[in-house]
Amino acid sequence: MKVAEKDPAVHGLLEEECRRCRDVLSALTEKVAQYPKGALNARKKGYKEKEYVYHYLVVREAGQVVNRHVSKVVLPELQHQLEQRDKVLREIQVYRKRIAYLEKLLKAPKS
């Protein structure tokens, strides 16, 4: 962008914004590591004309898919944590796009 190249004040602002976005991205990455991994699924089983629902967490560990049973007591908290994790992951995507755009403006090498 010609304006960023010619005006040092604008160039400095863009660099500061890029640095701030990287800091926020690293903080969000640390935050998402605290949440549980995997996806919540439910199975329906029929027994004596009744239908029971079993919730389980699907996680990939060491290249294998592992299903872990989730009790009804833990289910609401786990659902909330997974929703928060998805929200943080969407935020991470926004900041990655913003950093890529700012690096393109600044013509900085991608790191």
N, C-alpha and C. Protein backbone atom coordinates (compact mmCIF):
# COMPACT_ATOMS: atom_id res chain seq x y z
N MET A 1 0.85 -1.17 0.00
CA MET A 1 0.00 0.00 0.00
C MET A 1 0.89 1.23 0.00
N LYS A 2 0.66 2.13 -0.91
CA LYS A 2 1.52 3.29 -1.08
C LYS A 2 1.48 4.22 0.12
N VAL A 3 0.34 4.35 0.76
CA VAL A 3 0.21 5.25 1.90
C VAL A 3 1.09 4.77 3.04
N ALA A 4 1.09 3.46 3.30
CA ALA A 4 1.89 2.92 4.38
C ALA A 4 3.38 3.09 4.12
N GLU A 5 3.77 3.02 2.86
CA GLU A 5 5.17 3.18 2.51
C GLU A 5 5.62 4.62 2.66
N LYS A 6 4.76 5.57 2.35
CA LYS A 6 5.14 6.98 2.34
C LYS A 6 5.00 7.65 3.70
N ASP A 7 4.01 7.24 4.48
CA ASP A 7 3.75 7.90 5.75
C ASP A 7 4.26 7.03 6.90
N PRO A 8 5.30 7.47 7.60
CA PRO A 8 5.84 6.64 8.69
C PRO A 8 4.86 6.48 9.85
N ALA A 9 3.99 7.45 10.07
CA ALA A 9 3.02 7.35 11.16
C ALA A 9 2.03 6.21 10.89
N VAL A 10 1.54 6.13 9.68
CA VAL A 10 0.60 5.07 9.31
C VAL A 10 1.30 3.72 9.36
N HIS A 11 2.54 3.70 8.87
CA HIS A 11 3.31 2.45 8.89
C HIS A 11 3.52 1.98 10.33
N GLY A 12 3.82 2.91 11.22
CA GLY A 12 4.00 2.58 12.63
C GLY A 12 2.72 2.05 13.27
N LEU A 13 1.59 2.67 12.92
CA LEU A 13 0.30 2.21 13.44
C LEU A 13 -0.01 0.79 12.97
N LEU A 14 0.29 0.52 11.70
CA LEU A 14 0.03 -0.82 11.17
C LEU A 14 0.94 -1.85 11.85
N GLU A 15 2.19 -1.50 12.08
CA GLU A 15 3.10 -2.41 12.78
C GLU A 15 2.62 -2.68 14.21
N GLU A 16 2.17 -1.63 14.89
CA GLU A 16 1.67 -1.78 16.25
C GLU A 16 0.42 -2.66 16.28
N GLU A 17 -0.47 -2.48 15.33
CA GLU A 17 -1.68 -3.30 15.25
C GLU A 17 -1.32 -4.76 14.97
N CYS A 18 -0.34 -4.98 14.11
CA CYS A 18 0.09 -6.34 13.80
C CYS A 18 0.70 -6.99 15.04
N ARG A 19 1.49 -6.27 15.78
CA ARG A 19 2.10 -6.78 17.01
C ARG A 19 1.01 -7.10 18.04
N ARG A 20 0.04 -6.21 18.16
CA ARG A 20 -1.06 -6.42 19.11
C ARG A 20 -1.87 -7.66 18.73
N CYS A 21 -2.13 -7.83 17.44
CA CYS A 21 -2.89 -9.00 16.98
C CYS A 21 -2.13 -10.29 17.26
N ARG A 22 -0.80 -10.27 17.10
CA ARG A 22 -0.01 -11.47 17.41
C ARG A 22 -0.08 -11.80 18.89
N ASP A 23 -0.03 -10.77 19.75
CA ASP A 23 -0.13 -10.99 21.19
C ASP A 23 -1.48 -11.59 21.55
N VAL A 24 -2.55 -11.05 20.96
CA VAL A 24 -3.89 -11.57 21.24
C VAL A 24 -4.01 -13.00 20.72
N LEU A 25 -3.42 -13.28 19.56
CA LEU A 25 -3.48 -14.63 19.00
C LEU A 25 -2.77 -15.63 19.91
N SER A 26 -1.63 -15.26 20.45
CA SER A 26 -0.93 -16.18 21.34
C SER A 26 -1.73 -16.40 22.63
N ALA A 27 -2.36 -15.34 23.14
CA ALA A 27 -3.19 -15.48 24.35
C ALA A 27 -4.40 -16.38 24.08
N LEU A 28 -5.02 -16.22 22.92
CA LEU A 28 -6.17 -17.06 22.57
C LEU A 28 -5.76 -18.52 22.37
N THR A 29 -4.57 -18.74 21.81
CA THR A 29 -4.08 -20.09 21.61
C THR A 29 -3.85 -20.78 22.95
N GLU A 30 -3.31 -20.04 23.92
CA GLU A 30 -3.13 -20.60 25.26
C GLU A 30 -4.48 -20.89 25.91
N LYS A 31 -5.45 -20.01 25.68
CA LYS A 31 -6.77 -20.17 26.27
C LYS A 31 -7.49 -21.40 25.71
N VAL A 32 -7.37 -21.62 24.40
CA VAL A 32 -8.07 -22.75 23.77
C VAL A 32 -7.44 -24.07 24.22
N ALA A 33 -6.18 -24.07 24.62
CA ALA A 33 -5.53 -25.30 25.08
C ALA A 33 -6.10 -25.77 26.41
N GLN A 34 -6.72 -24.87 27.16
CA GLN A 34 -7.29 -25.22 28.46
C GLN A 34 -8.63 -25.94 28.34
N TYR A 35 -9.30 -25.78 27.22
CA TYR A 35 -10.61 -26.40 27.03
C TYR A 35 -10.45 -27.85 26.57
N PRO A 36 -11.46 -28.69 26.81
CA PRO A 36 -11.38 -30.08 26.37
C PRO A 36 -11.44 -30.17 24.85
N LYS A 37 -10.77 -31.19 24.33
CA LYS A 37 -10.78 -31.42 22.89
C LYS A 37 -11.88 -32.41 22.54
N GLY A 38 -12.26 -32.44 21.28
CA GLY A 38 -13.21 -33.43 20.83
C GLY A 38 -14.57 -32.84 20.52
N ALA A 39 -15.48 -33.74 20.18
CA ALA A 39 -16.85 -33.37 19.82
C ALA A 39 -17.82 -34.21 20.63
N LEU A 40 -18.92 -33.61 20.99
CA LEU A 40 -19.92 -34.30 21.79
C LEU A 40 -20.95 -34.94 20.86
N ASN A 41 -21.18 -36.23 21.05
CA ASN A 41 -22.16 -36.96 20.26
C ASN A 41 -23.13 -37.68 21.19
N ALA A 42 -24.21 -38.16 20.61
CA ALA A 42 -25.21 -38.89 21.40
C ALA A 42 -25.61 -40.16 20.65
N ARG A 43 -25.80 -41.22 21.41
CA ARG A 43 -26.29 -42.48 20.85
C ARG A 43 -27.66 -42.76 21.46
N LYS A 44 -28.51 -43.30 20.65
CA LYS A 44 -29.83 -43.69 21.13
C LYS A 44 -29.91 -45.21 21.13
N LYS A 45 -30.27 -45.75 22.28
CA LYS A 45 -30.41 -47.19 22.42
C LYS A 45 -31.83 -47.51 22.85
N GLY A 46 -32.39 -48.51 22.24
CA GLY A 46 -33.73 -48.94 22.62
C GLY A 46 -33.67 -50.19 23.49
N TYR A 47 -34.48 -50.19 24.53
CA TYR A 47 -34.55 -51.35 25.41
C TYR A 47 -35.96 -51.42 25.99
N LYS A 48 -36.64 -52.51 25.73
CA LYS A 48 -38.00 -52.75 26.23
C LYS A 48 -38.92 -51.56 25.94
N GLU A 49 -38.98 -51.20 24.69
CA GLU A 49 -39.85 -50.13 24.18
C GLU A 49 -39.55 -48.75 24.76
N LYS A 50 -38.39 -48.58 25.34
CA LYS A 50 -37.94 -47.26 25.81
C LYS A 50 -36.68 -46.89 25.03
N GLU A 51 -36.49 -45.61 24.88
CA GLU A 51 -35.31 -45.14 24.18
C GLU A 51 -34.44 -44.34 25.14
N TYR A 52 -33.18 -44.75 25.25
CA TYR A 52 -32.23 -44.09 26.13
C TYR A 52 -31.20 -43.35 25.29
N VAL A 53 -30.77 -42.19 25.78
CA VAL A 53 -29.77 -41.40 25.08
C VAL A 53 -28.49 -41.40 25.91
N TYR A 54 -27.39 -41.79 25.27
CA TYR A 54 -26.08 -41.80 25.90
C TYR A 54 -25.20 -40.78 25.21
N HIS A 55 -24.64 -39.87 25.98
CA HIS A 55 -23.74 -38.87 25.42
C HIS A 55 -22.30 -39.34 25.58
N TYR A 56 -21.50 -39.04 24.57
CA TYR A 56 -20.09 -39.40 24.65
C TYR A 56 -19.25 -38.37 23.91
N LEU A 57 -18.00 -38.26 24.32
CA LEU A 57 -17.05 -37.32 23.75
C LEU A 57 -16.13 -38.09 22.82
N VAL A 58 -16.03 -37.64 21.59
CA VAL A 58 -15.17 -38.28 20.60
C VAL A 58 -13.88 -37.47 20.51
N VAL A 59 -12.75 -38.14 20.80
CA VAL A 59 -11.45 -37.48 20.82
C VAL A 59 -10.47 -38.33 20.03
N ARG A 60 -9.56 -37.67 19.32
CA ARG A 60 -8.50 -38.38 18.62
C ARG A 60 -7.25 -38.34 19.49
N GLU A 61 -6.75 -39.53 19.84
CA GLU A 61 -5.54 -39.64 20.65
C GLU A 61 -4.59 -40.61 19.97
N ALA A 62 -3.39 -40.15 19.73
CA ALA A 62 -2.34 -40.98 19.11
C ALA A 62 -2.82 -41.62 17.81
N GLY A 63 -3.55 -40.87 17.02
CA GLY A 63 -4.01 -41.36 15.73
C GLY A 63 -5.24 -42.25 15.79
N GLN A 64 -5.77 -42.48 16.95
CA GLN A 64 -6.96 -43.32 17.07
C GLN A 64 -8.12 -42.51 17.63
N VAL A 65 -9.33 -42.87 17.23
CA VAL A 65 -10.53 -42.22 17.73
C VAL A 65 -10.97 -42.93 19.01
N VAL A 66 -11.15 -42.12 20.07
CA VAL A 66 -11.54 -42.67 21.36
C VAL A 66 -12.88 -42.07 21.76
N ASN A 67 -13.82 -42.92 22.18
CA ASN A 67 -15.13 -42.48 22.66
C ASN A 67 -15.14 -42.57 24.17
N ARG A 68 -15.46 -41.45 24.82
CA ARG A 68 -15.53 -41.43 26.28
C ARG A 68 -16.96 -41.10 26.71
N HIS A 69 -17.49 -41.90 27.59
CA HIS A 69 -18.84 -41.67 28.10
C HIS A 69 -18.88 -40.39 28.93
N VAL A 70 -19.96 -39.62 28.78
CA VAL A 70 -20.15 -38.39 29.55
C VAL A 70 -21.42 -38.55 30.37
N SER A 71 -21.29 -38.39 31.68
CA SER A 71 -22.46 -38.56 32.54
C SER A 71 -23.37 -37.34 32.44
N LYS A 72 -24.61 -37.51 32.88
CA LYS A 72 -25.58 -36.42 32.84
C LYS A 72 -25.19 -35.27 33.75
N VAL A 73 -24.45 -35.57 34.80
CA VAL A 73 -24.03 -34.54 35.75
C VAL A 73 -23.00 -33.60 35.12
N VAL A 74 -22.11 -34.17 34.34
CA VAL A 74 -21.02 -33.40 33.73
C VAL A 74 -21.44 -32.77 32.40
N LEU A 75 -22.48 -33.27 31.80
CA LEU A 75 -22.89 -32.86 30.46
C LEU A 75 -23.09 -31.36 30.28
N PRO A 76 -23.84 -30.65 31.13
CA PRO A 76 -24.04 -29.20 30.89
C PRO A 76 -22.73 -28.41 30.92
N GLU A 77 -21.86 -28.74 31.86
CA GLU A 77 -20.57 -28.03 31.94
C GLU A 77 -19.71 -28.31 30.72
N LEU A 78 -19.69 -29.56 30.28
CA LEU A 78 -18.91 -29.93 29.10
C LEU A 78 -19.45 -29.23 27.86
N GLN A 79 -20.76 -29.17 27.71
CA GLN A 79 -21.35 -28.47 26.57
C GLN A 79 -20.95 -27.00 26.57
N HIS A 80 -20.98 -26.39 27.75
CA HIS A 80 -20.59 -24.97 27.86
C HIS A 80 -19.12 -24.79 27.50
N GLN A 81 -18.26 -25.67 27.96
CA GLN A 81 -16.84 -25.56 27.66
C GLN A 81 -16.58 -25.74 26.16
N LEU A 82 -17.27 -26.67 25.53
CA LEU A 82 -17.09 -26.88 24.10
C LEU A 82 -17.59 -25.69 23.29
N GLU A 83 -18.68 -25.07 23.73
CA GLU A 83 -19.18 -23.87 23.07
C GLU A 83 -18.17 -22.73 23.19
N GLN A 84 -17.60 -22.58 24.38
CA GLN A 84 -16.59 -21.53 24.59
C GLN A 84 -15.36 -21.79 23.74
N ARG A 85 -14.95 -23.06 23.64
CA ARG A 85 -13.79 -23.40 22.81
C ARG A 85 -14.05 -23.06 21.35
N ASP A 86 -15.25 -23.37 20.86
CA ASP A 86 -15.58 -23.06 19.47
C ASP A 86 -15.60 -21.56 19.23
N LYS A 87 -16.07 -20.81 20.21
CA LYS A 87 -16.09 -19.35 20.11
C LYS A 87 -14.66 -18.80 20.03
N VAL A 88 -13.78 -19.33 20.85
CA VAL A 88 -12.38 -18.88 20.84
C VAL A 88 -11.71 -19.28 19.52
N LEU A 89 -12.03 -20.46 19.00
CA LEU A 89 -11.45 -20.89 17.71
C LEU A 89 -11.90 -19.98 16.57
N ARG A 90 -13.14 -19.53 16.60
CA ARG A 90 -13.60 -18.59 15.57
C ARG A 90 -12.85 -17.26 15.69
N GLU A 91 -12.60 -16.83 16.93
CA GLU A 91 -11.84 -15.60 17.15
C GLU A 91 -10.41 -15.75 16.64
N ILE A 92 -9.82 -16.91 16.83
CA ILE A 92 -8.46 -17.17 16.35
C ILE A 92 -8.42 -17.05 14.84
N GLN A 93 -9.42 -17.58 14.15
CA GLN A 93 -9.46 -17.47 12.69
C GLN A 93 -9.51 -16.02 12.25
N VAL A 94 -10.30 -15.20 12.96
CA VAL A 94 -10.40 -13.78 12.61
C VAL A 94 -9.05 -13.10 12.77
N TYR A 95 -8.36 -13.38 13.87
CA TYR A 95 -7.07 -12.74 14.10
C TYR A 95 -6.01 -13.23 13.12
N ARG A 96 -6.05 -14.49 12.72
CA ARG A 96 -5.10 -14.98 11.72
C ARG A 96 -5.30 -14.27 10.39
N LYS A 97 -6.54 -14.08 9.99
CA LYS A 97 -6.82 -13.36 8.75
C LYS A 97 -6.36 -11.91 8.84
N ARG A 98 -6.59 -11.28 10.00
CA ARG A 98 -6.19 -9.90 10.19
C ARG A 98 -4.67 -9.76 10.14
N ILE A 99 -3.96 -10.71 10.75
CA ILE A 99 -2.50 -10.67 10.73
C ILE A 99 -1.98 -10.86 9.31
N ALA A 100 -2.57 -11.78 8.58
CA ALA A 100 -2.16 -12.00 7.18
C ALA A 100 -2.37 -10.73 6.36
N TYR A 101 -3.48 -10.06 6.58
CA TYR A 101 -3.78 -8.82 5.84
C TYR A 101 -2.78 -7.73 6.20
N LEU A 102 -2.50 -7.57 7.49
CA LEU A 102 -1.55 -6.55 7.92
C LEU A 102 -0.15 -6.85 7.42
N GLU A 103 0.27 -8.11 7.43
CA GLU A 103 1.58 -8.46 6.91
C GLU A 103 1.67 -8.18 5.42
N LYS A 104 0.58 -8.40 4.74
CA LYS A 104 0.55 -8.09 3.31
C LYS A 104 0.68 -6.58 3.10
N LEU A 105 0.01 -5.80 3.92
CA LEU A 105 0.13 -4.35 3.82
C LEU A 105 1.55 -3.87 4.13
N LEU A 106 2.13 -4.46 5.13
CA LEU A 106 3.47 -4.07 5.55
C LEU A 106 4.58 -4.72 4.71
N LYS A 107 4.18 -5.68 3.90
CA LYS A 107 5.12 -6.45 3.09
C LYS A 107 6.18 -7.10 3.98
N ALA A 108 5.71 -7.61 5.11
CA ALA A 108 6.59 -8.29 6.05
C ALA A 108 6.58 -9.78 5.73
N PRO A 109 7.71 -10.46 5.94
CA PRO A 109 7.70 -11.91 5.72
C PRO A 109 6.81 -12.61 6.73
N LYS A 110 6.07 -13.59 6.27
CA LYS A 110 5.15 -14.32 7.17
C LYS A 110 5.97 -15.20 8.10
N SER A 111 5.56 -15.19 9.38
CA SER A 111 6.27 -16.02 10.35
C SER A 111 5.33 -16.96 11.03
